[in-house]
Amino acid sequence: VHVVESGGRLVQAGGSLKLSCAASGPTFSAYTMGWFRQAPGKEREFVATITWSGGNANYADSVKGRFTISRHNGENTVHLQMNSLKSEDTAVYYCAASDPMMYRSGADYSGEDDYDYWGSGTQVTVSS
């Protein structure tokens, strides 16, 4: 599975931005997908995840109520709609895919180890 993010740019605080993730492969609809981010000088952190069907999504507390993850299996894409952006949202945003063939007991898909394929990231900069 090849994963490519797009949509990152400079945006003012309070604004909105939509990130996209395009994934290759015929079994995309079976993959749990996630978004992570890494701010300068910090470790990569979980942002959001969505199940293969799109029926369930979970978010980090820091973005809950502001960000929305969605997917379109027919187009092999995942999106992250980000509203009410803050300067602390500035980071490189990564899309990741979790292989359903990998056995993960009790995984909640908020950890990096829950994912097998990663994109190279897209930069989001929020100016205050």
Protein backbone atom coordinates (compact mmCIF):
# COMPACT_ATOMS: atom_id res chain seq x y z
CA VAL A 1 0.00 0.00 0.00
CA HIS A 2 1.35 3.39 -1.01
CA VAL A 3 0.05 6.40 0.91
CA VAL A 4 0.35 10.05 -0.18
CA GLU A 5 -0.85 13.09 1.74
CA SER A 6 -1.76 16.47 0.29
CA GLY A 7 -3.42 19.74 1.21
CA GLY A 8 -1.04 21.17 3.77
CA ARG A 9 -0.30 24.89 3.61
CA LEU A 10 -0.05 28.10 5.61
CA VAL A 11 -3.35 29.15 7.19
CA GLN A 12 -4.35 31.79 9.73
CA ALA A 13 -5.46 30.88 13.22
CA GLY A 14 -9.19 30.29 13.32
CA GLY A 15 -9.23 29.13 9.74
CA SER A 16 -9.98 25.76 8.18
CA LEU A 17 -8.05 23.30 6.09
CA LYS A 18 -8.80 19.92 4.55
CA LEU A 19 -6.07 17.34 4.19
CA SER A 20 -6.35 14.42 1.80
CA CYS A 21 -4.72 11.03 1.74
CA ALA A 22 -4.67 8.87 -1.36
CA ALA A 23 -3.87 5.18 -0.97
CA SER A 24 -3.09 2.62 -3.61
CA GLY A 25 -4.15 -1.01 -3.60
CA PRO A 26 -7.37 -2.93 -4.23
CA THR A 27 -7.96 -3.68 -0.56
CA PHE A 28 -8.02 -0.10 0.69
CA SER A 29 -11.56 -0.52 1.99
CA ALA A 30 -10.31 -3.12 4.46
CA TYR A 31 -7.73 -0.88 6.11
CA THR A 32 -8.19 1.13 9.26
CA MET A 33 -6.73 4.55 8.50
CA GLY A 34 -5.23 7.14 10.77
CA TRP A 35 -3.76 10.62 10.90
CA PHE A 36 -0.79 11.55 13.05
CA ARG A 37 1.21 14.75 13.36
CA GLN A 38 4.66 15.82 14.46
CA ALA A 39 5.42 19.34 15.61
CA PRO A 40 8.97 20.70 15.63
CA GLY A 41 10.96 19.27 18.51
CA LYS A 42 8.16 16.92 19.54
CA GLU A 43 7.34 13.27 19.03
CA ARG A 44 4.77 12.17 16.52
CA GLU A 45 1.31 12.03 18.05
CA PHE A 46 -2.05 10.53 17.22
CA VAL A 47 -4.71 12.79 15.72
CA ALA A 48 -7.58 10.64 14.44
CA THR A 49 -8.51 7.20 13.17
CA ILE A 50 -11.38 5.72 11.19
CA THR A 51 -12.47 2.10 10.77
CA TRP A 52 -12.59 0.30 7.45
CA SER A 53 -16.30 1.00 7.00
CA GLY A 54 -16.12 4.59 8.18
CA GLY A 55 -18.64 3.73 10.86
CA ASN A 56 -16.40 4.58 13.80
CA ALA A 57 -13.88 7.32 14.35
CA ASN A 58 -11.79 8.39 17.31
CA TYR A 59 -9.88 11.56 18.00
CA ALA A 60 -7.17 12.91 20.24
CA ASP A 61 -8.60 15.13 22.96
CA SER A 62 -6.66 18.09 21.56
CA VAL A 63 -8.60 18.02 18.27
CA LYS A 64 -11.95 16.62 19.33
CA GLY A 65 -14.78 18.87 18.16
CA ARG A 66 -12.55 20.68 15.68
CA PHE A 67 -11.27 17.95 13.34
CA THR A 68 -13.28 15.38 11.38
CA ILE A 69 -11.88 12.30 9.68
CA SER A 70 -13.76 10.71 6.77
CA ARG A 71 -13.11 8.22 4.02
CA HIS A 72 -14.33 7.38 0.54
CA ASN A 73 -13.55 3.77 -0.18
CA GLY A 74 -14.64 4.03 -3.79
CA GLU A 75 -11.95 6.65 -4.34
CA ASN A 76 -9.32 5.16 -2.00
CA THR A 77 -9.11 8.42 -0.07
CA VAL A 78 -9.18 9.60 3.52
CA HIS A 79 -9.71 13.22 4.53
CA LEU A 80 -9.06 15.27 7.62
CA GLN A 81 -11.21 18.38 7.90
CA MET A 82 -9.60 20.79 10.34
CA ASN A 83 -11.56 23.74 11.68
CA SER A 84 -10.82 26.45 14.25
CA LEU A 85 -7.13 25.92 13.72
CA LYS A 86 -4.70 27.00 16.40
CA SER A 87 -0.99 27.75 16.29
CA GLU A 88 -0.38 24.54 18.24
CA ASP A 89 -1.81 22.58 15.30
CA THR A 90 1.29 23.47 13.32
CA ALA A 91 2.97 20.21 12.39
CA VAL A 92 3.75 17.76 9.66
CA TYR A 93 0.65 15.61 9.23
CA TYR A 94 1.01 11.94 8.32
CA CYS A 95 -1.52 9.49 6.96
CA ALA A 96 -1.17 5.84 7.91
CA ALA A 97 -2.80 2.54 6.98
CA SER A 98 -3.23 -0.53 9.16
CA ASP A 99 -3.04 -3.90 7.44
CA PRO A 100 -6.07 -6.01 8.45
CA MET A 101 -4.01 -9.15 7.95
CA MET A 102 -1.81 -8.16 10.89
CA TYR A 103 -3.21 -9.51 14.15
CA ARG A 104 -3.52 -6.75 16.75
CA SER A 105 -5.26 -7.81 19.90
CA GLY A 106 -7.08 -4.98 21.63
CA ALA A 107 -5.68 -2.28 19.37
CA ASP A 108 -7.43 1.08 19.52
CA TYR A 109 -5.39 2.39 16.58
CA SER A 110 -4.05 5.40 18.44
CA GLY A 111 -0.49 4.11 18.47
CA GLU A 112 2.11 4.24 15.74
CA ASP A 113 2.66 0.50 16.10
CA ASP A 114 -0.93 -0.11 15.01
CA TYR A 115 -0.07 1.03 11.48
CA ASP A 116 2.01 -0.57 8.75
CA TYR A 117 2.16 1.96 5.92
CA TRP A 118 2.97 5.65 6.17
CA GLY A 119 3.06 8.62 3.88
CA SER A 120 5.88 11.15 3.85
CA GLY A 121 3.71 13.88 5.38
CA THR A 122 2.30 17.28 4.50
CA GLN A 123 3.19 20.50 6.32
CA VAL A 124 0.47 22.51 8.04
CA THR A 125 1.47 25.88 9.43
CA VAL A 126 -0.99 27.96 11.44
CA SER A 127 -0.05 31.58 11.89
CA SER A 128 -1.30 33.44 14.95
